[in-house]
Amino acid sequence: PTVFICDECVELCMDIIREESKSSLVKAGEGVPSPQHIQKVLDDYVIG
């Protein structure tokens, strides 16, 4: 295809993708429990 995308548009798109990537990484890490919380839960079920 014969298409031209200006450098300014490419940079704008790259900025948008970077911002979306950052926000999705933050969201992915929100549900991870702390090691202390994991140990507390396991202590309720593991004997010995």
PDB file of N, CA and C in Angstrom:
ATOM      1  N   PRO A   1       0.822  -1.197   0.000  1.00  0.00           N
ATOM      2  CA  PRO A   1       0.000   0.000   0.000  1.00  0.00           C
ATOM      3  C   PRO A   1       0.866   1.261   0.000  1.00  0.00           C
ATOM      4  N   THR A   2       0.358   2.281  -0.591  1.00  0.00           N
ATOM      5  CA  THR A   2       1.062   3.549  -0.655  1.00  0.00           C
ATOM      6  C   THR A   2       0.432   4.504   0.351  1.00  0.00           C
ATOM      7  N   VAL A   3       0.955   4.463   1.566  1.00  0.00           N
ATOM      8  CA  VAL A   3       0.405   5.279   2.643  1.00  0.00           C
ATOM      9  C   VAL A   3       1.548   6.002   3.334  1.00  0.00           C
ATOM     10  N   PHE A   4       1.317   7.242   3.717  1.00  0.00           N
ATOM     11  CA  PHE A   4       2.322   7.993   4.454  1.00  0.00           C
ATOM     12  C   PHE A   4       1.703   8.485   5.756  1.00  0.00           C
ATOM     13  N   ILE A   5       2.368   8.196   6.850  1.00  0.00           N
ATOM     14  CA  ILE A   5       1.937   8.696   8.155  1.00  0.00           C
ATOM     15  C   ILE A   5       3.030   9.630   8.650  1.00  0.00           C
ATOM     16  N   CYS A   6       2.665  10.845   8.967  1.00  0.00           N
ATOM     17  CA  CYS A   6       3.670  11.829   9.374  1.00  0.00           C
ATOM     18  C   CYS A   6       4.299  11.446  10.716  1.00  0.00           C
ATOM     19  N   ASP A   7       5.489  11.944  10.949  1.00  0.00           N
ATOM     20  CA  ASP A   7       6.223  11.630  12.175  1.00  0.00           C
ATOM     21  C   ASP A   7       5.467  12.081  13.422  1.00  0.00           C
ATOM     22  N   GLU A   8       4.788  13.202  13.329  1.00  0.00           N
ATOM     23  CA  GLU A   8       4.032  13.715  14.474  1.00  0.00           C
ATOM     24  C   GLU A   8       2.908  12.750  14.865  1.00  0.00           C
ATOM     25  N   CYS A   9       2.223  12.201  13.878  1.00  0.00           N
ATOM     26  CA  CYS A   9       1.149  11.241  14.152  1.00  0.00           C
ATOM     27  C   CYS A   9       1.703   9.946  14.739  1.00  0.00           C
ATOM     28  N   VAL A  10       2.838   9.510  14.235  1.00  0.00           N
ATOM     29  CA  VAL A  10       3.471   8.299  14.761  1.00  0.00           C
ATOM     30  C   VAL A  10       3.848   8.506  16.227  1.00  0.00           C
ATOM     31  N   GLU A  11       4.436   9.652  16.551  1.00  0.00           N
ATOM     32  CA  GLU A  11       4.813   9.945  17.933  1.00  0.00           C
ATOM     33  C   GLU A  11       3.587  10.011  18.840  1.00  0.00           C
ATOM     34  N   LEU A  12       2.525  10.624  18.359  1.00  0.00           N
ATOM     35  CA  LEU A  12       1.293  10.713  19.132  1.00  0.00           C
ATOM     36  C   LEU A  12       0.741   9.319  19.434  1.00  0.00           C
ATOM     37  N   CYS A  13       0.720   8.464  18.436  1.00  0.00           N
ATOM     38  CA  CYS A  13       0.237   7.094  18.625  1.00  0.00           C
ATOM     39  C   CYS A  13       1.126   6.326  19.604  1.00  0.00           C
ATOM     40  N   MET A  14       2.431   6.513  19.507  1.00  0.00           N
ATOM     41  CA  MET A  14       3.362   5.844  20.427  1.00  0.00           C
ATOM     42  C   MET A  14       3.105   6.296  21.865  1.00  0.00           C
ATOM     43  N   ASP A  15       2.852   7.597  22.063  1.00  0.00           N
ATOM     44  CA  ASP A  15       2.551   8.113  23.402  1.00  0.00           C
ATOM     45  C   ASP A  15       1.273   7.493  23.958  1.00  0.00           C
ATOM     46  N   ILE A  16       0.270   7.378  23.122  1.00  0.00           N
ATOM     47  CA  ILE A  16      -1.000   6.779  23.544  1.00  0.00           C
ATOM     48  C   ILE A  16      -0.788   5.331  23.954  1.00  0.00           C
ATOM     49  N   ILE A  17      -0.047   4.580  23.160  1.00  0.00           N
ATOM     50  CA  ILE A  17       0.210   3.169  23.466  1.00  0.00           C
ATOM     51  C   ILE A  17       0.998   3.040  24.764  1.00  0.00           C
ATOM     52  N   ARG A  18       1.993   3.896  24.967  1.00  0.00           N
ATOM     53  CA  ARG A  18       2.782   3.858  26.209  1.00  0.00           C
ATOM     54  C   ARG A  18       1.891   4.102  27.425  1.00  0.00           C
ATOM     55  N   GLU A  19       1.027   5.096  27.349  1.00  0.00           N
ATOM     56  CA  GLU A  19       0.141   5.413  28.471  1.00  0.00           C
ATOM     57  C   GLU A  19      -0.817   4.255  28.758  1.00  0.00           C
ATOM     58  N   GLU A  20      -1.362   3.649  27.717  1.00  0.00           N
ATOM     59  CA  GLU A  20      -2.272   2.523  27.909  1.00  0.00           C
ATOM     60  C   GLU A  20      -1.539   1.340  28.517  1.00  0.00           C
ATOM     61  N   SER A  21      -0.302   1.117  28.117  1.00  0.00           N
ATOM     62  CA  SER A  21       0.490   0.022  28.668  1.00  0.00           C
ATOM     63  C   SER A  21       0.754   0.242  30.147  1.00  0.00           C
ATOM     64  N   LYS A  22       1.079   1.465  30.530  1.00  0.00           N
ATOM     65  CA  LYS A  22       1.336   1.776  31.939  1.00  0.00           C
ATOM     66  C   LYS A  22       0.090   1.526  32.772  1.00  0.00           C
ATOM     67  N   SER A  23      -1.050   1.996  32.303  1.00  0.00           N
ATOM     68  CA  SER A  23      -2.274   1.847  33.082  1.00  0.00           C
ATOM     69  C   SER A  23      -2.700   0.388  33.169  1.00  0.00           C
ATOM     70  N   SER A  24      -2.468  -0.401  32.142  1.00  0.00           N
ATOM     71  CA  SER A  24      -2.846  -1.810  32.210  1.00  0.00           C
ATOM     72  C   SER A  24      -1.920  -2.575  33.137  1.00  0.00           C
ATOM     73  N   LEU A  25      -0.650  -2.196  33.237  1.00  0.00           N
ATOM     74  CA  LEU A  25       0.267  -2.843  34.171  1.00  0.00           C
ATOM     75  C   LEU A  25      -0.132  -2.543  35.605  1.00  0.00           C
ATOM     76  N   VAL A  26      -0.558  -1.339  35.865  1.00  0.00           N
ATOM     77  CA  VAL A  26      -0.993  -0.977  37.210  1.00  0.00           C
ATOM     78  C   VAL A  26      -2.230  -1.776  37.574  1.00  0.00           C
ATOM     79  N   LYS A  27      -3.183  -1.886  36.670  1.00  0.00           N
ATOM     80  CA  LYS A  27      -4.402  -2.632  36.934  1.00  0.00           C
ATOM     81  C   LYS A  27      -4.108  -4.104  37.168  1.00  0.00           C
ATOM     82  N   ALA A  28      -3.167  -4.663  36.437  1.00  0.00           N
ATOM     83  CA  ALA A  28      -2.842  -6.077  36.581  1.00  0.00           C
ATOM     84  C   ALA A  28      -2.254  -6.372  37.946  1.00  0.00           C
ATOM     85  N   GLY A  29      -1.548  -5.430  38.532  1.00  0.00           N
ATOM     86  CA  GLY A  29      -0.908  -5.649  39.822  1.00  0.00           C
ATOM     87  C   GLY A  29      -1.796  -5.365  41.015  1.00  0.00           C
ATOM     88  N   GLU A  30      -2.983  -4.828  40.807  1.00  0.00           N
ATOM     89  CA  GLU A  30      -3.850  -4.453  41.917  1.00  0.00           C
ATOM     90  C   GLU A  30      -4.372  -5.648  42.699  1.00  0.00           C
ATOM     91  N   GLY A  31      -4.587  -6.774  42.063  1.00  0.00           N
ATOM     92  CA  GLY A  31      -5.175  -7.918  42.736  1.00  0.00           C
ATOM     93  C   GLY A  31      -4.174  -8.866  43.361  1.00  0.00           C
ATOM     94  N   VAL A  32      -2.902  -8.520  43.378  1.00  0.00           N
ATOM     95  CA  VAL A  32      -1.874  -9.408  43.909  1.00  0.00           C
ATOM     96  C   VAL A  32      -1.768  -9.211  45.418  1.00  0.00           C
ATOM     97  N   PRO A  33      -1.989 -10.290  46.193  1.00  0.00           N
ATOM     98  CA  PRO A  33      -1.895 -10.158  47.651  1.00  0.00           C
ATOM     99  C   PRO A  33      -0.442 -10.066  48.109  1.00  0.00           C
ATOM    100  N   SER A  34      -0.248  -9.469  49.268  1.00  0.00           N
ATOM    101  CA  SER A  34       1.098  -9.349  49.824  1.00  0.00           C
ATOM    102  C   SER A  34       1.546 -10.708  50.368  1.00  0.00           C
ATOM    103  N   PRO A  35       2.850 -10.920  50.492  1.00  0.00           N
ATOM    104  CA  PRO A  35       3.338 -12.179  51.071  1.00  0.00           C
ATOM    105  C   PRO A  35       2.785 -12.422  52.477  1.00  0.00           C
ATOM    106  N   GLN A  36       2.636 -11.365  53.263  1.00  0.00           N
ATOM    107  CA  GLN A  36       2.098 -11.514  54.617  1.00  0.00           C
ATOM    108  C   GLN A  36       0.653 -12.016  54.578  1.00  0.00           C
ATOM    109  N   HIS A  37      -0.116 -11.512  53.645  1.00  0.00           N
ATOM    110  CA  HIS A  37      -1.507 -11.953  53.522  1.00  0.00           C
ATOM    111  C   HIS A  37      -1.570 -13.421  53.095  1.00  0.00           C
ATOM    112  N   ILE A  38      -0.721 -13.807  52.171  1.00  0.00           N
ATOM    113  CA  ILE A  38      -0.678 -15.205  51.720  1.00  0.00           C
ATOM    114  C   ILE A  38      -0.327 -16.114  52.891  1.00  0.00           C
ATOM    115  N   GLN A  39       0.673 -15.723  53.678  1.00  0.00           N
ATOM    116  CA  GLN A  39       1.081 -16.545  54.820  1.00  0.00           C
ATOM    117  C   GLN A  39      -0.052 -16.669  55.832  1.00  0.00           C
ATOM    118  N   LYS A  40      -0.758 -15.579  56.094  1.00  0.00           N
ATOM    119  CA  LYS A  40      -1.862 -15.607  57.053  1.00  0.00           C
ATOM    120  C   LYS A  40      -2.945 -16.584  56.600  1.00  0.00           C
ATOM    121  N   VAL A  41      -3.284 -16.549  55.331  1.00  0.00           N
ATOM    122  CA  VAL A  41      -4.311 -17.454  54.804  1.00  0.00           C
ATOM    123  C   VAL A  41      -3.835 -18.899  54.882  1.00  0.00           C
ATOM    124  N   LEU A  42      -2.581 -19.141  54.506  1.00  0.00           N
ATOM    125  CA  LEU A  42      -2.052 -20.503  54.562  1.00  0.00           C
ATOM    126  C   LEU A  42      -1.972 -21.017  55.995  1.00  0.00           C
ATOM    127  N   ASP A  43      -1.635 -20.148  56.932  1.00  0.00           N
ATOM    128  CA  ASP A  43      -1.555 -20.553  58.341  1.00  0.00           C
ATOM    129  C   ASP A  43      -2.899 -21.051  58.856  1.00  0.00           C
ATOM    130  N   ASP A  44      -3.996 -20.571  58.288  1.00  0.00           N
ATOM    131  CA  ASP A  44      -5.321 -21.024  58.704  1.00  0.00           C
ATOM    132  C   ASP A  44      -5.623 -22.444  58.219  1.00  0.00           C
ATOM    133  N   TYR A  45      -4.930 -22.904  57.176  1.00  0.00           N
ATOM    134  CA  TYR A  45      -5.243 -24.194  56.572  1.00  0.00           C
ATOM    135  C   TYR A  45      -4.144 -25.239  56.716  1.00  0.00           C
ATOM    136  N   VAL A  46      -2.901 -24.826  56.865  1.00  0.00           N
ATOM    137  CA  VAL A  46      -1.777 -25.763  56.912  1.00  0.00           C
ATOM    138  C   VAL A  46      -1.408 -26.015  58.366  1.00  0.00           C
ATOM    139  N   ILE A  47      -1.321 -27.286  58.717  1.00  0.00           N
ATOM    140  CA  ILE A  47      -0.948 -27.662  60.081  1.00  0.00           C
ATOM    141  C   ILE A  47       0.451 -28.261  60.040  1.00  0.00           C
ATOM    142  N   GLY A  48       1.317 -27.800  60.940  1.00  0.00           N
ATOM    143  CA  GLY A  48       2.676 -28.355  61.036  1.00  0.00           C
ATOM    144  C   GLY A  48       3.643 -27.506  60.415  1.00  0.00           C
TER     145      GLY A  48
END
